[in-house]
N, C-alpha and C. Protein backbone atom coordinates (compact mmCIF):
# COMPACT_ATOMS: atom_id res chain seq x y z
N UNK A 1 97.30 79.96 157.85
CA UNK A 1 98.73 79.65 157.76
C UNK A 1 99.02 78.85 156.49
N UNK A 2 99.99 79.29 155.73
CA UNK A 2 100.30 78.63 154.46
C UNK A 2 101.02 77.31 154.72
N UNK A 3 100.90 76.42 153.75
CA UNK A 3 101.57 75.12 153.85
C UNK A 3 103.08 75.31 153.81
N UNK A 4 103.82 74.50 154.57
CA UNK A 4 105.28 74.63 154.58
C UNK A 4 105.91 74.19 153.28
N UNK A 5 107.08 74.74 152.99
CA UNK A 5 107.86 74.33 151.82
C UNK A 5 108.69 73.12 152.23
N UNK A 6 108.62 72.07 151.44
CA UNK A 6 109.34 70.84 151.77
C UNK A 6 110.29 70.46 150.64
N UNK A 7 111.42 69.89 151.02
CA UNK A 7 112.40 69.41 150.04
C UNK A 7 112.60 67.91 150.21
N UNK A 8 112.84 67.23 149.08
CA UNK A 8 113.08 65.79 149.09
C UNK A 8 114.28 65.48 148.20
N UNK A 9 115.05 64.48 148.64
CA UNK A 9 116.24 64.11 147.88
C UNK A 9 115.90 63.55 146.51
N UNK A 10 114.71 62.99 146.39
CA UNK A 10 114.27 62.46 145.10
C UNK A 10 112.75 62.54 145.03
N UNK A 11 112.24 62.78 143.82
CA UNK A 11 110.80 62.97 143.70
C UNK A 11 110.00 61.71 144.09
N UNK A 12 110.64 60.54 144.03
CA UNK A 12 109.93 59.31 144.42
C UNK A 12 109.67 59.26 145.93
N UNK A 13 110.33 60.12 146.69
CA UNK A 13 110.14 60.13 148.14
C UNK A 13 108.97 61.01 148.57
N UNK A 14 108.34 61.71 147.64
CA UNK A 14 107.23 62.59 148.00
C UNK A 14 106.03 61.73 148.40
N UNK A 15 105.52 61.87 149.63
CA UNK A 15 104.35 61.09 150.05
C UNK A 15 103.12 61.45 149.21
N UNK A 16 102.35 60.45 148.88
CA UNK A 16 101.16 60.69 148.05
C UNK A 16 100.20 61.66 148.71
N UNK A 17 100.13 61.64 150.03
CA UNK A 17 99.19 62.51 150.75
C UNK A 17 99.54 63.99 150.61
N UNK A 18 100.81 64.29 150.28
CA UNK A 18 101.23 65.69 150.14
C UNK A 18 101.00 66.25 148.74
N UNK A 19 100.74 65.35 147.78
CA UNK A 19 100.64 65.80 146.39
C UNK A 19 99.17 66.02 146.01
N UNK A 20 98.79 67.27 145.83
CA UNK A 20 97.39 67.59 145.56
C UNK A 20 97.18 68.23 144.17
N UNK A 21 98.22 68.29 143.36
CA UNK A 21 98.12 68.98 142.07
C UNK A 21 97.83 67.94 140.98
N UNK A 22 96.56 67.81 140.67
CA UNK A 22 96.03 66.67 139.92
C UNK A 22 96.58 66.54 138.50
N UNK A 23 96.95 67.64 137.87
CA UNK A 23 97.41 67.57 136.48
C UNK A 23 98.92 67.49 136.33
N UNK A 24 99.60 67.32 137.44
CA UNK A 24 101.07 67.25 137.40
C UNK A 24 101.54 66.10 138.28
N UNK A 25 102.77 65.71 138.04
CA UNK A 25 103.38 64.66 138.86
C UNK A 25 104.68 65.19 139.45
N UNK A 26 105.15 64.61 140.55
CA UNK A 26 106.43 65.05 141.11
C UNK A 26 107.57 64.98 140.10
N UNK A 27 107.55 63.98 139.22
CA UNK A 27 108.62 63.84 138.23
C UNK A 27 108.68 65.03 137.30
N UNK A 28 107.53 65.62 136.97
CA UNK A 28 107.49 66.78 136.07
C UNK A 28 108.10 68.02 136.71
N UNK A 29 107.96 68.13 138.01
CA UNK A 29 108.40 69.34 138.71
C UNK A 29 109.83 69.20 139.21
N UNK A 30 110.31 67.98 139.36
CA UNK A 30 111.63 67.73 139.96
C UNK A 30 112.77 68.21 139.08
N UNK A 31 113.94 68.33 139.69
CA UNK A 31 115.16 68.73 138.98
C UNK A 31 115.51 67.70 137.92
N UNK A 32 115.76 68.16 136.72
CA UNK A 32 116.08 67.25 135.62
C UNK A 32 117.45 66.61 135.78
N UNK A 33 118.32 67.25 136.52
CA UNK A 33 119.67 66.72 136.65
C UNK A 33 119.88 65.78 137.82
N UNK A 34 119.13 66.00 138.93
CA UNK A 34 119.38 65.22 140.15
C UNK A 34 118.17 64.45 140.65
N UNK A 35 116.99 64.81 140.19
CA UNK A 35 115.77 64.17 140.70
C UNK A 35 115.27 64.78 141.99
N UNK A 36 116.02 65.74 142.55
CA UNK A 36 115.60 66.40 143.78
C UNK A 36 114.36 67.26 143.49
N UNK A 37 113.61 67.52 144.54
CA UNK A 37 112.40 68.33 144.36
C UNK A 37 112.15 69.19 145.59
N UNK A 38 111.64 70.39 145.33
CA UNK A 38 111.23 71.29 146.41
C UNK A 38 109.76 71.60 146.18
N UNK A 39 108.93 71.25 147.14
CA UNK A 39 107.50 71.53 147.02
C UNK A 39 107.20 72.90 147.59
N UNK A 40 106.87 73.82 146.68
CA UNK A 40 106.48 75.17 147.09
C UNK A 40 104.97 75.26 146.83
N UNK A 41 104.14 75.02 147.84
CA UNK A 41 102.69 74.93 147.62
C UNK A 41 102.07 76.12 146.90
N UNK A 42 102.49 77.34 147.25
CA UNK A 42 101.91 78.51 146.60
C UNK A 42 102.19 78.50 145.10
N UNK A 43 103.44 78.19 144.73
CA UNK A 43 103.79 78.17 143.31
C UNK A 43 103.04 77.06 142.57
N UNK A 44 102.96 75.90 143.19
CA UNK A 44 102.27 74.78 142.56
C UNK A 44 100.77 75.02 142.47
N UNK A 45 100.20 75.70 143.46
CA UNK A 45 98.78 76.05 143.39
C UNK A 45 98.51 76.97 142.21
N UNK A 46 99.40 77.93 141.98
CA UNK A 46 99.23 78.83 140.84
C UNK A 46 99.43 78.09 139.52
N UNK A 47 100.35 77.15 139.49
CA UNK A 47 100.55 76.35 138.28
C UNK A 47 99.29 75.54 137.96
N UNK A 48 98.70 74.93 138.97
CA UNK A 48 97.47 74.17 138.76
C UNK A 48 96.32 75.09 138.35
N UNK A 49 96.24 76.27 138.96
CA UNK A 49 95.20 77.24 138.59
C UNK A 49 95.36 77.68 137.14
N UNK A 50 96.61 77.84 136.69
CA UNK A 50 96.86 78.21 135.30
C UNK A 50 96.42 77.08 134.38
N UNK A 51 96.72 75.86 134.75
CA UNK A 51 96.29 74.70 133.95
C UNK A 51 94.76 74.65 133.86
N UNK A 52 94.09 74.90 134.98
CA UNK A 52 92.62 74.87 134.99
C UNK A 52 92.05 75.99 134.13
N UNK A 53 92.66 77.16 134.19
CA UNK A 53 92.15 78.31 133.43
C UNK A 53 92.31 78.09 131.93
N UNK A 54 93.45 77.55 131.51
CA UNK A 54 93.71 77.35 130.08
C UNK A 54 92.98 76.12 129.53
N UNK A 55 92.73 75.16 130.38
CA UNK A 55 91.98 73.99 129.95
C UNK A 55 92.72 73.04 129.03
N UNK A 56 94.04 73.11 129.03
CA UNK A 56 94.82 72.18 128.22
C UNK A 56 96.16 71.93 128.91
N UNK A 57 96.84 70.84 128.57
CA UNK A 57 98.08 70.48 129.28
C UNK A 57 99.15 71.56 129.25
N UNK A 58 99.92 71.63 130.33
CA UNK A 58 101.11 72.48 130.40
C UNK A 58 102.32 71.56 130.36
N UNK A 59 103.16 71.75 129.37
CA UNK A 59 104.38 70.96 129.24
C UNK A 59 105.49 71.68 129.99
N UNK A 60 105.90 71.11 131.12
CA UNK A 60 106.91 71.75 131.98
C UNK A 60 108.30 71.34 131.49
N UNK A 61 109.01 72.28 130.87
CA UNK A 61 110.38 72.02 130.44
C UNK A 61 111.34 71.99 131.62
N UNK A 62 111.07 72.86 132.60
CA UNK A 62 111.95 72.94 133.77
C UNK A 62 111.14 73.47 134.95
N UNK A 63 111.24 72.77 136.08
CA UNK A 63 110.60 73.23 137.31
C UNK A 63 111.68 73.55 138.32
N UNK A 64 111.74 72.76 139.38
CA UNK A 64 112.79 72.97 140.38
C UNK A 64 114.16 72.59 139.80
N UNK A 65 115.19 73.35 140.21
CA UNK A 65 116.58 73.03 139.84
C UNK A 65 117.43 73.04 141.10
N UNK A 66 118.21 72.01 141.28
CA UNK A 66 119.19 72.02 142.37
C UNK A 66 120.26 73.04 142.01
N UNK A 67 120.98 73.61 142.98
CA UNK A 67 122.02 74.59 142.67
C UNK A 67 123.06 74.07 141.68
N UNK A 68 123.47 72.80 141.83
CA UNK A 68 124.48 72.27 140.91
C UNK A 68 123.94 72.13 139.48
N UNK A 69 122.68 71.71 139.38
CA UNK A 69 122.10 71.59 138.03
C UNK A 69 121.86 72.96 137.42
N UNK A 70 121.48 73.92 138.25
CA UNK A 70 121.28 75.27 137.74
C UNK A 70 122.57 75.84 137.17
N UNK A 71 123.69 75.57 137.84
CA UNK A 71 124.99 76.01 137.31
C UNK A 71 125.31 75.28 136.01
N UNK A 72 125.00 73.99 135.97
CA UNK A 72 125.33 73.18 134.79
C UNK A 72 124.60 73.66 133.54
N UNK A 73 123.37 74.16 133.70
CA UNK A 73 122.60 74.61 132.54
C UNK A 73 122.74 76.11 132.29
N UNK A 74 123.59 76.78 133.06
CA UNK A 74 123.81 78.20 132.85
C UNK A 74 122.70 79.09 133.37
N UNK A 75 121.99 78.64 134.41
CA UNK A 75 120.91 79.45 134.98
C UNK A 75 121.45 80.64 135.75
N UNK A 76 120.57 81.61 135.98
CA UNK A 76 120.96 82.80 136.75
C UNK A 76 121.39 82.39 138.15
N UNK A 77 122.33 83.15 138.72
CA UNK A 77 122.87 82.81 140.04
C UNK A 77 121.79 82.80 141.11
N UNK A 78 120.79 83.64 140.96
CA UNK A 78 119.69 83.69 141.93
C UNK A 78 118.38 83.22 141.29
N UNK A 79 118.50 82.24 140.43
CA UNK A 79 117.33 81.74 139.70
C UNK A 79 116.21 81.32 140.66
N UNK A 80 115.00 81.70 140.30
CA UNK A 80 113.84 81.32 141.08
C UNK A 80 113.56 79.81 140.98
N UNK A 81 114.16 79.18 139.99
CA UNK A 81 114.00 77.72 139.86
C UNK A 81 114.56 77.02 141.11
N UNK A 82 115.62 77.57 141.68
CA UNK A 82 116.23 76.95 142.86
C UNK A 82 115.35 77.09 144.10
N UNK A 83 114.38 78.01 144.04
CA UNK A 83 113.44 78.18 145.14
C UNK A 83 112.16 77.37 144.94
N UNK A 84 112.03 76.79 143.76
CA UNK A 84 110.81 76.03 143.45
C UNK A 84 109.64 76.91 143.09
N UNK A 85 109.92 78.18 142.73
CA UNK A 85 108.82 79.11 142.44
C UNK A 85 108.78 79.50 140.96
N UNK A 86 109.52 78.81 140.11
CA UNK A 86 109.58 79.16 138.69
C UNK A 86 109.34 77.92 137.83
N UNK A 87 108.75 78.15 136.67
CA UNK A 87 108.48 77.08 135.72
C UNK A 87 108.71 77.57 134.30
N UNK A 88 109.36 76.75 133.51
CA UNK A 88 109.51 77.03 132.07
C UNK A 88 108.50 76.16 131.35
N UNK A 89 107.57 76.80 130.64
CA UNK A 89 106.45 76.08 130.01
C UNK A 89 106.56 76.19 128.50
N UNK A 90 106.47 75.05 127.83
CA UNK A 90 106.52 75.02 126.37
C UNK A 90 105.30 75.71 125.76
N UNK A 91 105.53 76.43 124.66
CA UNK A 91 104.45 77.07 123.93
C UNK A 91 104.00 76.24 122.72
N UNK A 92 104.41 74.97 122.69
CA UNK A 92 104.05 74.11 121.56
C UNK A 92 102.55 73.98 121.40
N UNK A 93 101.81 74.03 122.49
CA UNK A 93 100.35 73.88 122.42
C UNK A 93 99.61 75.07 123.03
N UNK A 94 100.29 76.23 123.06
CA UNK A 94 99.67 77.43 123.63
C UNK A 94 99.99 78.66 122.78
N UNK A 95 99.06 79.59 122.78
CA UNK A 95 99.31 80.90 122.20
C UNK A 95 100.00 81.74 123.29
N UNK A 96 101.21 82.25 123.03
CA UNK A 96 101.96 82.98 124.07
C UNK A 96 101.19 84.12 124.72
N UNK A 97 100.44 84.88 123.93
CA UNK A 97 99.71 86.02 124.49
C UNK A 97 98.61 85.55 125.43
N UNK A 98 97.88 84.54 124.99
CA UNK A 98 96.81 84.00 125.84
C UNK A 98 97.40 83.39 127.10
N UNK A 99 98.52 82.70 126.94
CA UNK A 99 99.17 82.07 128.09
C UNK A 99 99.62 83.12 129.10
N UNK A 100 100.28 84.17 128.63
CA UNK A 100 100.78 85.21 129.54
C UNK A 100 99.63 85.90 130.28
N UNK A 101 98.57 86.19 129.55
CA UNK A 101 97.43 86.85 130.19
C UNK A 101 96.84 85.98 131.30
N UNK A 102 96.68 84.69 131.02
CA UNK A 102 96.13 83.77 132.01
C UNK A 102 97.08 83.62 133.20
N UNK A 103 98.40 83.60 132.92
CA UNK A 103 99.38 83.46 134.00
C UNK A 103 99.35 84.67 134.92
N UNK A 104 99.17 85.84 134.36
CA UNK A 104 99.06 87.05 135.19
C UNK A 104 97.79 87.01 136.03
N UNK A 105 96.72 86.51 135.45
CA UNK A 105 95.45 86.48 136.16
C UNK A 105 95.48 85.55 137.37
N UNK A 106 96.29 84.49 137.30
CA UNK A 106 96.34 83.56 138.45
C UNK A 106 97.41 83.95 139.46
N UNK A 107 98.21 85.00 139.15
CA UNK A 107 99.14 85.51 140.15
C UNK A 107 100.62 85.40 139.88
N UNK A 108 101.02 84.93 138.70
CA UNK A 108 102.45 84.94 138.38
C UNK A 108 102.89 86.37 138.08
N UNK A 109 104.13 86.71 138.49
CA UNK A 109 104.60 88.09 138.35
C UNK A 109 105.84 88.22 137.46
N UNK A 110 106.68 87.22 137.43
CA UNK A 110 107.90 87.26 136.61
C UNK A 110 107.69 86.51 135.31
N UNK A 111 108.10 87.15 134.20
CA UNK A 111 107.90 86.53 132.88
C UNK A 111 109.15 86.67 132.02
N UNK A 112 109.57 85.56 131.45
CA UNK A 112 110.68 85.57 130.50
C UNK A 112 110.23 84.86 129.24
N UNK A 113 110.47 85.47 128.09
CA UNK A 113 110.02 84.89 126.82
C UNK A 113 111.23 84.42 126.02
N UNK A 114 111.13 83.21 125.48
CA UNK A 114 112.22 82.58 124.73
C UNK A 114 111.66 82.00 123.43
N UNK A 115 111.40 82.86 122.47
CA UNK A 115 110.77 82.37 121.22
C UNK A 115 111.63 81.37 120.45
N UNK A 116 112.95 81.52 120.49
CA UNK A 116 113.79 80.58 119.76
C UNK A 116 113.68 79.17 120.32
N UNK A 117 113.55 79.07 121.64
CA UNK A 117 113.39 77.75 122.27
C UNK A 117 111.93 77.40 122.49
N UNK A 118 111.05 78.32 122.15
CA UNK A 118 109.60 78.10 122.18
C UNK A 118 109.07 77.78 123.59
N UNK A 119 109.52 78.55 124.59
CA UNK A 119 108.95 78.38 125.91
C UNK A 119 108.86 79.73 126.62
N UNK A 120 108.09 79.76 127.68
CA UNK A 120 107.94 80.97 128.50
C UNK A 120 108.22 80.61 129.96
N UNK A 121 108.98 81.49 130.61
CA UNK A 121 109.30 81.34 132.03
C UNK A 121 108.29 82.15 132.83
N UNK A 122 107.76 81.54 133.90
CA UNK A 122 106.89 82.27 134.84
C UNK A 122 107.37 81.98 136.25
N UNK A 123 107.26 82.98 137.13
CA UNK A 123 107.61 82.76 138.53
C UNK A 123 106.78 83.67 139.43
N UNK A 124 106.99 83.56 140.73
CA UNK A 124 106.17 84.31 141.69
C UNK A 124 106.63 85.75 141.90
N UNK A 125 107.69 86.14 141.27
CA UNK A 125 108.12 87.53 141.38
C UNK A 125 109.47 87.68 142.05
N UNK A 126 109.94 88.92 142.14
CA UNK A 126 109.21 90.19 141.93
C UNK A 126 108.78 90.41 140.47
N UNK A 127 107.88 91.36 140.30
CA UNK A 127 107.33 91.64 138.98
C UNK A 127 108.43 92.17 138.05
N UNK A 128 108.60 91.51 136.92
CA UNK A 128 109.59 91.92 135.93
C UNK A 128 109.31 91.13 134.65
N UNK A 129 109.94 91.55 133.57
CA UNK A 129 109.76 90.85 132.29
C UNK A 129 111.00 91.03 131.45
N UNK A 130 111.38 90.00 130.71
CA UNK A 130 112.55 90.06 129.84
C UNK A 130 112.37 89.13 128.66
N UNK A 131 113.23 89.31 127.68
CA UNK A 131 113.21 88.43 126.51
C UNK A 131 112.50 89.05 125.32
N UNK A 132 112.76 88.46 124.14
CA UNK A 132 112.14 88.93 122.90
C UNK A 132 110.69 88.46 122.81
N UNK A 133 109.91 89.22 122.07
CA UNK A 133 108.51 88.86 121.88
C UNK A 133 108.39 87.68 120.90
N UNK A 134 107.39 86.88 121.10
CA UNK A 134 107.11 85.81 120.14
C UNK A 134 106.59 86.42 118.85
N UNK A 135 107.05 85.95 117.70
CA UNK A 135 106.55 86.49 116.43
C UNK A 135 105.09 86.10 116.23
N UNK A 136 104.36 86.88 115.43
CA UNK A 136 102.96 86.53 115.16
C UNK A 136 102.86 85.14 114.54
N UNK A 137 101.82 84.44 114.90
CA UNK A 137 101.62 83.08 114.38
C UNK A 137 100.39 83.04 113.49
N UNK A 138 100.49 82.23 112.45
CA UNK A 138 99.34 82.05 111.57
C UNK A 138 98.20 81.36 112.32
N UNK A 139 98.57 80.47 113.24
CA UNK A 139 97.59 79.81 114.10
C UNK A 139 98.03 80.04 115.53
N UNK A 140 97.11 79.96 116.50
CA UNK A 140 97.46 80.23 117.89
C UNK A 140 98.60 79.38 118.41
N UNK A 141 98.71 78.15 117.95
CA UNK A 141 99.80 77.28 118.37
C UNK A 141 100.04 76.25 117.27
N UNK A 142 101.15 75.57 117.35
CA UNK A 142 101.52 74.61 116.32
C UNK A 142 100.47 73.52 116.21
N UNK A 143 99.93 73.30 115.00
CA UNK A 143 98.91 72.25 114.83
C UNK A 143 99.49 70.87 115.03
N UNK A 144 98.64 69.96 115.50
CA UNK A 144 99.08 68.58 115.67
C UNK A 144 98.83 67.85 114.36
N UNK A 145 99.88 67.61 113.62
CA UNK A 145 99.75 66.93 112.33
C UNK A 145 100.27 65.52 112.46
N UNK A 146 99.42 64.52 112.17
CA UNK A 146 99.90 63.14 112.25
C UNK A 146 100.92 62.88 111.17
N UNK A 147 101.87 61.99 111.40
CA UNK A 147 102.87 61.68 110.38
C UNK A 147 102.23 61.12 109.13
N UNK A 148 102.81 61.48 107.99
CA UNK A 148 102.28 61.00 106.72
C UNK A 148 102.30 59.49 106.67
N UNK A 149 101.20 58.92 106.23
CA UNK A 149 101.12 57.47 106.12
C UNK A 149 100.80 57.08 104.69
N UNK A 150 101.36 55.97 104.29
CA UNK A 150 101.11 55.50 102.94
C UNK A 150 99.72 54.94 102.84
N UNK A 151 99.15 54.98 101.62
CA UNK A 151 97.87 54.32 101.39
C UNK A 151 98.07 52.84 101.63
N UNK A 152 97.11 52.23 102.33
CA UNK A 152 97.27 50.85 102.75
C UNK A 152 97.63 49.93 101.60
N UNK A 153 96.95 50.09 100.48
CA UNK A 153 97.20 49.19 99.35
C UNK A 153 98.55 49.42 98.72
N UNK A 154 99.16 50.62 98.97
CA UNK A 154 100.43 50.94 98.34
C UNK A 154 101.62 50.78 99.28
N UNK A 155 101.38 50.36 100.51
CA UNK A 155 102.45 50.25 101.49
C UNK A 155 103.49 49.25 101.05
N UNK A 156 104.76 49.69 101.07
CA UNK A 156 105.84 48.78 100.70
C UNK A 156 105.96 47.65 101.70
N UNK A 157 105.68 47.97 102.98
CA UNK A 157 105.75 46.94 104.00
C UNK A 157 104.74 45.84 103.72
N UNK A 158 103.50 46.27 103.38
CA UNK A 158 102.47 45.28 103.11
C UNK A 158 102.78 44.50 101.84
N UNK A 159 103.34 45.20 100.85
CA UNK A 159 103.70 44.50 99.62
C UNK A 159 104.71 43.41 99.90
N UNK A 160 105.74 43.76 100.69
CA UNK A 160 106.78 42.79 100.98
C UNK A 160 106.27 41.63 101.79
N UNK A 161 105.54 41.94 102.89
CA UNK A 161 105.04 40.87 103.74
C UNK A 161 103.93 40.11 103.05
N UNK A 162 103.18 40.78 102.16
CA UNK A 162 102.15 40.09 101.40
C UNK A 162 102.75 39.08 100.45
N UNK A 163 103.83 39.48 99.81
CA UNK A 163 104.51 38.56 98.92
C UNK A 163 105.04 37.36 99.69
N UNK A 164 105.55 37.64 100.89
CA UNK A 164 106.05 36.55 101.72
C UNK A 164 104.92 35.59 102.07
N UNK A 165 103.75 36.15 102.40
CA UNK A 165 102.62 35.31 102.77
C UNK A 165 102.16 34.44 101.61
N UNK A 166 102.06 35.05 100.42
CA UNK A 166 101.65 34.29 99.24
C UNK A 166 102.64 33.19 98.94
N UNK A 167 103.92 33.55 99.00
CA UNK A 167 104.94 32.56 98.68
C UNK A 167 104.95 31.44 99.70
N UNK A 168 104.78 31.78 100.98
CA UNK A 168 104.75 30.75 102.02
C UNK A 168 103.57 29.81 101.82
N UNK A 169 102.40 30.40 101.52
CA UNK A 169 101.22 29.58 101.26
C UNK A 169 101.45 28.69 100.04
N UNK A 170 102.11 29.26 99.04
CA UNK A 170 102.38 28.47 97.83
C UNK A 170 103.29 27.30 98.14
N UNK A 171 104.32 27.54 98.97
CA UNK A 171 105.24 26.46 99.32
C UNK A 171 104.52 25.37 100.09
N UNK A 172 103.66 25.78 101.02
CA UNK A 172 102.90 24.79 101.78
C UNK A 172 101.97 24.01 100.87
N UNK A 173 101.34 24.73 99.92
CA UNK A 173 100.43 24.07 99.01
C UNK A 173 101.14 23.05 98.14
N UNK A 174 102.30 23.40 97.67
CA UNK A 174 103.07 22.48 96.85
C UNK A 174 103.45 21.23 97.64
N UNK A 175 103.81 21.44 98.93
CA UNK A 175 104.19 20.32 99.76
C UNK A 175 103.02 19.35 99.93
N UNK A 176 101.81 19.92 100.16
CA UNK A 176 100.62 19.07 100.28
C UNK A 176 100.37 18.33 98.98
N UNK A 177 100.47 19.08 97.86
CA UNK A 177 100.23 18.44 96.56
C UNK A 177 101.23 17.33 96.31
N UNK A 178 102.47 17.57 96.75
CA UNK A 178 103.50 16.55 96.55
C UNK A 178 103.14 15.27 97.29
N UNK A 179 102.66 15.45 98.54
CA UNK A 179 102.29 14.28 99.31
C UNK A 179 101.14 13.52 98.67
N UNK A 180 100.16 14.26 98.14
CA UNK A 180 99.02 13.62 97.48
C UNK A 180 99.48 12.87 96.24
N UNK A 181 100.37 13.51 95.46
CA UNK A 181 100.82 12.87 94.23
C UNK A 181 101.67 11.65 94.51
N UNK A 182 102.45 11.72 95.61
CA UNK A 182 103.25 10.54 95.96
C UNK A 182 102.35 9.36 96.27
N UNK A 183 101.23 9.68 96.93
CA UNK A 183 100.30 8.62 97.28
C UNK A 183 99.62 8.04 96.05
N UNK A 184 99.34 8.86 95.06
CA UNK A 184 98.65 8.36 93.87
C UNK A 184 99.58 7.58 92.96
N UNK A 185 100.89 7.87 93.04
CA UNK A 185 101.87 7.17 92.22
C UNK A 185 101.42 7.18 90.75
N UNK A 186 101.64 6.07 90.09
CA UNK A 186 101.15 5.84 88.72
C UNK A 186 101.67 6.84 87.72
N UNK A 187 100.72 7.38 86.97
CA UNK A 187 101.08 8.20 85.82
C UNK A 187 101.67 9.54 86.21
N UNK A 188 101.35 10.05 87.40
CA UNK A 188 101.84 11.38 87.76
C UNK A 188 103.15 11.31 88.52
N UNK A 189 103.68 10.13 88.76
CA UNK A 189 104.90 9.99 89.54
C UNK A 189 106.07 10.78 88.96
N UNK A 190 106.23 10.87 87.62
CA UNK A 190 107.36 11.65 87.08
C UNK A 190 107.31 13.14 87.43
N UNK A 191 106.14 13.66 87.86
CA UNK A 191 106.04 15.09 88.17
C UNK A 191 106.59 15.44 89.55
N UNK A 192 106.75 14.45 90.44
CA UNK A 192 107.14 14.72 91.82
C UNK A 192 108.45 15.47 91.95
N UNK A 193 109.54 15.09 91.27
CA UNK A 193 110.81 15.83 91.42
C UNK A 193 110.68 17.31 91.06
N UNK A 194 109.86 17.61 90.04
CA UNK A 194 109.70 19.01 89.65
C UNK A 194 108.96 19.79 90.72
N UNK A 195 108.02 19.12 91.41
CA UNK A 195 107.29 19.82 92.47
C UNK A 195 108.22 20.16 93.63
N UNK A 196 109.19 19.32 93.92
CA UNK A 196 110.15 19.61 94.97
C UNK A 196 110.94 20.87 94.65
N UNK A 197 111.35 20.99 93.37
CA UNK A 197 112.06 22.21 92.94
C UNK A 197 111.18 23.44 93.06
N UNK A 198 109.89 23.27 92.66
CA UNK A 198 108.95 24.39 92.72
C UNK A 198 108.74 24.86 94.16
N UNK A 199 108.72 23.86 95.09
CA UNK A 199 108.57 24.23 96.50
C UNK A 199 109.71 25.13 96.96
N UNK A 200 110.94 24.84 96.58
CA UNK A 200 112.08 25.65 96.97
C UNK A 200 112.04 27.04 96.32
N UNK A 201 111.46 27.09 95.13
CA UNK A 201 111.30 28.41 94.48
C UNK A 201 110.37 29.28 95.32
N UNK A 202 109.24 28.67 95.78
CA UNK A 202 108.31 29.44 96.61
C UNK A 202 108.95 29.85 97.93
N UNK A 203 109.74 28.97 98.52
CA UNK A 203 110.43 29.31 99.77
C UNK A 203 111.38 30.48 99.56
N UNK A 204 112.10 30.47 98.44
CA UNK A 204 113.01 31.58 98.13
C UNK A 204 112.24 32.88 97.99
N UNK A 205 111.06 32.82 97.32
CA UNK A 205 110.23 34.02 97.18
C UNK A 205 109.74 34.50 98.54
N UNK A 206 109.41 33.55 99.44
CA UNK A 206 108.95 33.94 100.78
C UNK A 206 110.04 34.68 101.53
N UNK A 207 111.27 34.17 101.48
CA UNK A 207 112.38 34.83 102.17
C UNK A 207 112.65 36.21 101.58
N UNK A 208 112.55 36.32 100.25
CA UNK A 208 112.76 37.62 99.61
C UNK A 208 111.68 38.60 100.03
N UNK A 209 110.43 38.12 100.11
CA UNK A 209 109.33 39.00 100.53
C UNK A 209 109.50 39.49 101.94
N UNK A 210 109.93 38.59 102.83
CA UNK A 210 110.17 39.00 104.22
C UNK A 210 111.29 40.04 104.29
N UNK A 211 112.33 39.82 103.49
CA UNK A 211 113.43 40.79 103.47
C UNK A 211 112.98 42.16 103.02
N UNK A 212 112.13 42.20 101.99
CA UNK A 212 111.60 43.48 101.50
C UNK A 212 110.74 44.15 102.58
N UNK A 213 109.93 43.33 103.28
CA UNK A 213 109.09 43.89 104.34
C UNK A 213 109.90 44.50 105.46
N UNK A 214 110.94 43.81 105.89
CA UNK A 214 111.81 44.32 106.96
C UNK A 214 112.51 45.59 106.53
N UNK A 215 113.04 45.59 105.31
CA UNK A 215 113.74 46.79 104.80
C UNK A 215 112.79 47.98 104.72
N UNK A 216 111.56 47.73 104.23
CA UNK A 216 110.60 48.83 104.09
C UNK A 216 110.22 49.39 105.44
N UNK A 217 110.05 48.50 106.45
CA UNK A 217 109.69 48.97 107.79
C UNK A 217 110.79 49.85 108.37
N UNK A 218 112.05 49.41 108.24
CA UNK A 218 113.17 50.21 108.74
C UNK A 218 113.28 51.53 108.01
N UNK A 219 113.04 51.51 106.71
CA UNK A 219 113.11 52.73 105.91
C UNK A 219 112.01 53.70 106.31
N UNK A 220 110.80 53.15 106.61
CA UNK A 220 109.69 54.00 107.05
C UNK A 220 110.01 54.66 108.38
N UNK A 221 110.58 53.88 109.31
CA UNK A 221 110.95 54.46 110.60
C UNK A 221 111.97 55.56 110.42
N UNK A 222 112.96 55.33 109.56
CA UNK A 222 114.01 56.30 109.37
C UNK A 222 113.47 57.60 108.78
N UNK A 223 112.44 57.50 107.94
CA UNK A 223 111.88 58.68 107.30
C UNK A 223 110.68 59.26 108.08
N UNK A 224 110.37 58.68 109.23
CA UNK A 224 109.31 59.22 110.08
C UNK A 224 107.92 58.90 109.61
N UNK A 225 107.76 57.84 108.81
CA UNK A 225 106.44 57.50 108.31
C UNK A 225 105.67 56.59 109.25
N UNK A 226 106.33 56.04 110.23
CA UNK A 226 105.65 55.16 111.18
C UNK A 226 105.95 55.63 112.59
C-alpha cells in the first residue's frame, strides 16, 4: 500500500518523521506564494531518485503550487504542480540531455523544456513533451566562475584602509613623542606646538584613508567584485 498524500497549510507544519527525502527540505517543495505544501510520496521518491542518479544538487524553481498561486503565475488550469507531482528544475548545473535521460529512467513521464528561462519541467504523467529544445552548449552546464578579485597588493580597499592605519599610527606616535618632549622641556620645548599641528595632519590623513576605503568597498560591491 502506497503512502497517503498529505497536505499542510504551511511547510513548517510538516512533522519531521514524515520527511524522508534527505536532499530536499519542505521549504524547497512548498508553494512559493503561500507556503502551503502537498506531500506526494511517489513524486518525491522519484525526485530523490533523480538526485541520487545525477549525483549533484537539483535546484527546484517550483514544486507544489496552491490553486491561487498557480493562477497568479499563469500556470495551466490543470497544472500537475497543484497535485504535487510536478517540479521545475534549473539547468544551471545540469546538462539538459543528461538530465532528461536520467529523469525518464527514474520514472518521470511529462517533460517541458524552457531554454529561455533555463529550466525543465518534469511530472508523473501522462506521458507527453512540449517546449523548444535547449541549444547546444560548449560545456555540459554553466561553469562556476568566482567573481573577479583584485590582486591583494593592488586592492583599493586595502590601499585606503592601509593609509588610514599608517596615518593613525603616525598620529599616535606624534602624540607619544609630544608627551616625551614636554617632559624633557629645555632646548626642544619650541618644537612642541609644531608637533601638535603635525598630529592633526596625521589625523586628517587617517580620516581621508578611511573614506577612500569605504568608497572602494561600496564601489566593489556595486561592480560585483566582492
